[in-house]
């Protein structure tokens, strides 16, 4: 397999040439920092994937993926670009790069953390025919993991519900979100998460859009919902503060490139159209 493109990741950042194209070869200056590598089909082309040692903690990485600024560090041949900043680019030529980078990082994260068979504990080996791992002992096949999650903007009388999370991204107000559980639909998950985290009941739950979020393996499904009943009673284990905000007067919130930003500013645009 002839490698035509190289994806190099570090702390939620992608290494690109100065013209925003992928390198065709792995720069030897990064050789001492590689903690994992793999080869996979990305966008119909064979690609080499490299994961470099992180320069920040997992908590800092998760926070930066939502609210951090793009990294300006560069070298003679290229520079590091934060994936969140790449996802925010609206030019058509960046859409394919963003999609492929999300796939590459998601696969690489899975490859790096999936080393042993969950049934018998034997070391897994890579499949020769598909992006999967096979247990040589019991023949169980492991495929890349995707964790579906919901995120919702709740409306009430022209205002929207935003919250500060207790465990992550504590400096921003964002939408209510959570992982899908076995046995429930996405809409049921929305209703449960809103009630568990804020004590509110919602209705008219409507799907808006979705986003691959490879930090490390989420697939975000975005919704809107209308407040039905209840007063805000935050779950202190999950939520530090939750409030109703006028879309014209927003607090510090996630930056472009996140589906949360799209939901929030979708409401801003909706209110402006009503004027």
Protein backbone atom coordinates (compact mmCIF):
# COMPACT_ATOMS: atom_id res chain seq x y z
CA UNK A 1 0.00 0.00 0.00
CA UNK A 2 1.52 3.31 -1.14
CA UNK A 3 1.02 6.01 1.45
CA UNK A 4 -0.14 9.28 -0.10
CA UNK A 5 -1.01 11.30 2.99
CA UNK A 6 0.23 11.50 6.57
CA UNK A 7 -1.90 12.57 9.53
CA UNK A 8 0.10 13.65 12.57
CA UNK A 9 -1.80 14.46 15.76
CA UNK A 10 -0.71 16.00 19.04
CA UNK A 11 -2.94 17.25 21.84
CA UNK A 12 -5.98 17.67 19.60
CA UNK A 13 -3.91 19.38 16.90
CA UNK A 14 -3.09 18.35 13.33
CA UNK A 15 0.22 19.08 11.63
CA UNK A 16 -0.16 20.71 8.20
CA UNK A 17 2.09 22.33 5.62
CA UNK A 18 1.89 26.11 5.50
CA UNK A 19 -0.50 25.83 2.53
CA UNK A 20 -2.85 23.77 4.75
CA UNK A 21 -2.15 20.48 3.01
CA UNK A 22 -1.14 17.20 4.61
CA UNK A 23 2.50 16.09 4.48
CA UNK A 24 3.29 13.21 2.16
CA UNK A 25 6.03 11.88 4.41
CA UNK A 26 6.54 11.71 8.15
CA UNK A 27 8.98 14.42 9.32
CA UNK A 28 11.89 12.77 11.15
CA UNK A 29 12.00 15.64 13.64
CA UNK A 30 8.91 14.09 15.31
CA UNK A 31 10.30 10.55 15.50
CA UNK A 32 11.16 10.66 19.22
CA UNK A 33 7.64 11.81 20.15
CA UNK A 34 5.61 9.03 18.48
CA UNK A 35 3.55 6.97 20.93
CA UNK A 36 1.45 5.10 18.34
CA UNK A 37 1.00 4.76 14.59
CA UNK A 38 -1.30 2.95 12.19
CA UNK A 39 -2.21 2.74 8.53
CA UNK A 40 -5.82 3.10 7.38
CA UNK A 41 -8.01 4.14 4.47
CA UNK A 42 -8.93 7.79 4.91
CA UNK A 43 -11.20 9.34 2.31
CA UNK A 44 -10.50 6.53 -0.15
CA UNK A 45 -6.73 6.97 0.07
CA UNK A 46 -4.14 4.94 2.05
CA UNK A 47 -2.84 7.04 4.91
CA UNK A 48 -0.32 6.81 7.72
CA UNK A 49 -1.57 7.97 11.10
CA UNK A 50 0.75 9.10 13.89
CA UNK A 51 -0.05 10.03 17.48
CA UNK A 52 2.59 12.10 19.26
CA UNK A 53 3.10 12.49 22.97
CA UNK A 54 0.65 15.03 24.37
CA UNK A 55 1.99 18.28 25.74
CA UNK A 56 -1.09 18.89 27.93
CA UNK A 57 -3.26 16.89 30.31
CA UNK A 58 -6.44 15.11 29.20
CA UNK A 59 -8.53 17.70 31.06
CA UNK A 60 -6.74 20.59 29.33
CA UNK A 61 -7.14 18.88 25.98
CA UNK A 62 -10.89 18.38 26.46
CA UNK A 63 -11.32 22.00 27.50
CA UNK A 64 -9.23 23.35 24.63
CA UNK A 65 -11.20 21.32 22.09
CA UNK A 66 -14.26 23.36 23.09
CA UNK A 67 -12.99 26.76 24.16
CA UNK A 68 -9.25 26.93 23.40
CA UNK A 69 -7.70 29.10 20.74
CA UNK A 70 -5.88 27.80 17.70
CA UNK A 71 -2.20 27.10 18.30
CA UNK A 72 0.20 29.39 16.47
CA UNK A 73 3.34 27.25 16.84
CA UNK A 74 5.03 26.59 13.51
CA UNK A 75 8.23 25.34 11.92
CA UNK A 76 9.97 25.87 8.61
CA UNK A 77 7.85 23.25 6.86
CA UNK A 78 4.50 23.44 8.63
CA UNK A 79 2.44 24.29 11.67
CA UNK A 80 0.10 22.78 14.25
CA UNK A 81 -3.58 23.58 13.75
CA UNK A 82 -6.15 22.92 16.46
CA UNK A 83 -8.81 20.60 15.06
CA UNK A 84 -11.59 22.71 16.57
CA UNK A 85 -10.32 25.68 14.55
CA UNK A 86 -10.21 23.49 11.44
CA UNK A 87 -13.79 22.32 12.03
CA UNK A 88 -14.85 25.99 12.21
CA UNK A 89 -13.62 26.83 8.72
CA UNK A 90 -16.55 27.33 6.35
CA UNK A 91 -14.67 27.24 3.04
CA UNK A 92 -15.67 24.21 0.92
CA UNK A 93 -12.04 23.14 0.47
CA UNK A 94 -11.75 22.54 4.22
CA UNK A 95 -14.84 20.35 4.52
CA UNK A 96 -13.10 17.22 3.20
CA UNK A 97 -9.96 17.83 5.27
CA UNK A 98 -12.05 18.31 8.43
CA UNK A 99 -14.05 15.14 7.82
CA UNK A 100 -10.97 13.06 7.05
CA UNK A 101 -9.06 14.44 10.04
CA UNK A 102 -11.96 13.55 12.36
CA UNK A 103 -11.99 10.01 10.99
CA UNK A 104 -8.22 9.68 11.24
CA UNK A 105 -8.05 10.87 14.85
CA UNK A 106 -11.03 8.76 15.91
CA UNK A 107 -9.46 5.63 14.42
CA UNK A 108 -6.07 6.42 15.91
CA UNK A 109 -7.52 7.02 19.38
CA UNK A 110 -9.32 3.68 19.19
CA UNK A 111 -6.21 1.89 17.94
CA UNK A 112 -4.13 3.37 20.75
CA UNK A 113 -6.50 2.32 23.54
CA UNK A 114 -7.77 -1.04 22.21
CA UNK A 115 -4.93 -3.47 22.75
CA UNK A 116 -6.41 -6.55 24.47
CA UNK A 117 -9.39 -8.82 23.89
CA UNK A 118 -12.26 -7.94 26.28
CA UNK A 119 -13.33 -11.61 26.32
CA UNK A 120 -10.10 -13.50 27.05
CA UNK A 121 -7.42 -10.83 27.58
CA UNK A 122 -5.15 -11.89 24.71
CA UNK A 123 -3.27 -9.23 22.75
CA UNK A 124 -5.23 -8.17 19.66
CA UNK A 125 -3.75 -8.00 16.16
CA UNK A 126 -4.73 -5.71 13.31
CA UNK A 127 -7.02 -7.06 10.60
CA UNK A 128 -5.48 -7.18 7.13
CA UNK A 129 -8.78 -6.45 5.36
CA UNK A 130 -10.65 -3.78 7.36
CA UNK A 131 -10.24 -1.26 10.19
CA UNK A 132 -10.65 -3.81 12.96
CA UNK A 133 -8.69 -5.91 15.44
CA UNK A 134 -8.88 -9.68 15.83
CA UNK A 135 -8.18 -11.80 18.86
CA UNK A 136 -5.84 -14.65 17.80
CA UNK A 137 -7.06 -16.78 20.72
CA UNK A 138 -10.87 -16.62 20.62
CA UNK A 139 -11.33 -14.94 17.18
CA UNK A 140 -13.46 -12.09 18.51
CA UNK A 141 -13.40 -9.09 16.14
CA UNK A 142 -13.24 -5.58 17.61
CA UNK A 143 -14.39 -2.63 15.49
CA UNK A 144 -13.69 1.07 16.12
CA UNK A 145 -15.86 2.38 18.91
CA UNK A 146 -18.23 5.32 18.42
CA UNK A 147 -20.07 6.70 21.45
CA UNK A 148 -23.36 8.45 20.52
CA UNK A 149 -24.26 11.46 22.62
CA UNK A 150 -26.99 14.11 22.52
CA UNK A 151 -26.70 17.86 22.95
CA UNK A 152 -29.72 20.14 23.23
CA UNK A 153 -30.68 23.80 23.32
CA UNK A 154 -33.81 24.30 25.44
CA UNK A 155 -36.08 27.31 24.75
CA UNK A 156 -38.40 29.16 27.10
CA UNK A 157 -40.20 32.40 26.26
CA UNK A 158 -37.46 33.70 23.98
CA UNK A 159 -34.59 32.61 26.21
CA UNK A 160 -32.26 29.60 26.04
CA UNK A 161 -30.90 27.30 28.72
CA UNK A 162 -27.12 27.21 29.15
CA UNK A 163 -25.08 25.64 31.93
CA UNK A 164 -21.56 25.46 33.34
CA UNK A 165 -20.40 21.90 33.86
CA UNK A 166 -18.86 20.85 37.14
CA UNK A 167 -16.26 18.47 35.68
CA UNK A 168 -15.13 20.05 32.41
CA UNK A 169 -14.97 23.38 30.56
CA UNK A 170 -15.95 25.24 33.72
CA UNK A 171 -15.24 28.63 32.17
CA UNK A 172 -18.01 28.42 29.56
CA UNK A 173 -21.78 28.18 29.53
CA UNK A 174 -22.91 25.54 27.07
CA UNK A 175 -25.79 23.26 26.13
CA UNK A 176 -26.98 20.28 28.13
CA UNK A 177 -25.42 17.08 26.78
CA UNK A 178 -24.95 13.42 27.67
CA UNK A 179 -24.40 9.90 26.39
CA UNK A 180 -27.09 7.64 24.99
CA UNK A 181 -27.98 4.68 27.19
CA UNK A 182 -29.06 1.19 26.12
CA UNK A 183 -32.78 0.88 25.48
CA UNK A 184 -33.56 4.55 24.83
CA UNK A 185 -34.11 6.63 21.71
CA UNK A 186 -32.15 9.81 21.09
CA UNK A 187 -35.23 11.87 21.99
CA UNK A 188 -35.67 9.96 25.24
CA UNK A 189 -32.02 10.57 26.01
CA UNK A 190 -32.53 14.32 25.51
CA UNK A 191 -35.48 14.38 27.91
CA UNK A 192 -33.63 12.30 30.52
CA UNK A 193 -30.41 14.33 30.42
CA UNK A 194 -32.22 17.66 30.73
CA UNK A 195 -34.28 16.39 33.67
CA UNK A 196 -31.36 14.71 35.44
CA UNK A 197 -29.06 17.73 35.12
CA UNK A 198 -31.52 20.61 35.60
CA UNK A 199 -34.84 19.22 36.90
CA UNK A 200 -36.71 20.56 33.85
CA UNK A 201 -39.23 18.72 31.68
CA UNK A 202 -39.10 19.38 27.93
CA UNK A 203 -41.33 18.74 24.91
CA UNK A 204 -41.21 19.13 21.10
CA UNK A 205 -37.75 17.59 20.85
CA UNK A 206 -36.49 18.10 17.30
CA UNK A 207 -33.32 16.89 15.58
CA UNK A 208 -31.06 19.63 14.15
CA UNK A 209 -27.72 18.19 13.01
CA UNK A 210 -24.79 15.97 13.99
CA UNK A 211 -21.02 16.17 14.33
CA UNK A 212 -18.18 13.72 14.66
CA UNK A 213 -16.23 14.68 17.78
CA UNK A 214 -13.07 12.54 18.05
CA UNK A 215 -12.12 13.58 21.59
CA UNK A 216 -11.82 10.67 21.87
CA UNK A 217 -14.78 8.96 20.13
CA UNK A 218 -18.08 10.84 20.43
CA UNK A 219 -20.74 11.29 17.78
CA UNK A 220 -22.84 14.30 18.75
CA UNK A 221 -26.54 14.46 17.80
CA UNK A 222 -27.92 17.96 18.24
CA UNK A 223 -31.51 18.85 19.14
CA UNK A 224 -33.76 21.71 20.12
CA UNK A 225 -36.50 21.37 22.74
CA UNK A 226 -39.17 23.50 24.35
CA UNK A 227 -39.47 23.95 28.11
CA UNK A 228 -42.57 22.25 29.45
CA UNK A 229 -42.44 22.50 33.24
CA UNK A 230 -40.24 22.84 36.29
CA UNK A 231 -37.73 25.23 37.82
CA UNK A 232 -33.97 24.92 37.38
CA UNK A 233 -32.49 22.66 40.07
CA UNK A 234 -28.93 21.78 38.95
CA UNK A 235 -27.44 18.41 39.78
CA UNK A 236 -24.31 19.49 41.69
CA UNK A 237 -22.40 16.43 40.51
CA UNK A 238 -22.83 17.52 36.89
CA UNK A 239 -23.76 21.21 36.79
CA UNK A 240 -22.24 24.17 38.61
CA UNK A 241 -24.75 26.72 37.34
CA UNK A 242 -27.63 26.78 34.86
CA UNK A 243 -29.56 29.87 33.72
CA UNK A 244 -31.91 31.18 31.06
CA UNK A 245 -30.19 33.64 28.71
CA UNK A 246 -31.40 36.08 26.12
CA UNK A 247 -29.73 35.12 22.79
CA UNK A 248 -28.79 38.77 22.32
CA UNK A 249 -26.83 38.83 25.58
CA UNK A 250 -24.82 35.61 25.80
CA UNK A 251 -22.23 34.64 28.42
CA UNK A 252 -18.86 33.11 27.58
CA UNK A 253 -19.74 30.06 25.47
CA UNK A 254 -18.13 27.49 23.12
CA UNK A 255 -16.30 28.83 20.11
CA UNK A 256 -16.97 28.09 16.41
CA UNK A 257 -16.18 24.57 15.30
CA UNK A 258 -18.41 22.96 17.94
CA UNK A 259 -21.98 21.79 17.47
CA UNK A 260 -22.81 23.68 20.69
CA UNK A 261 -21.81 26.93 18.97
CA UNK A 262 -24.02 26.05 16.01
CA UNK A 263 -27.00 25.40 18.29
CA UNK A 264 -26.51 28.59 20.29
CA UNK A 265 -25.98 30.84 17.30
CA UNK A 266 -28.80 29.15 15.45
CA UNK A 267 -31.01 30.58 18.18
CA UNK A 268 -29.38 34.00 17.80
CA UNK A 269 -30.19 33.98 14.09
CA UNK A 270 -33.73 32.70 14.73
CA UNK A 271 -34.44 35.57 17.12
CA UNK A 272 -33.00 38.12 14.70
CA UNK A 273 -35.32 36.86 11.94
CA UNK A 274 -38.29 37.44 14.22
CA UNK A 275 -37.46 41.13 14.68
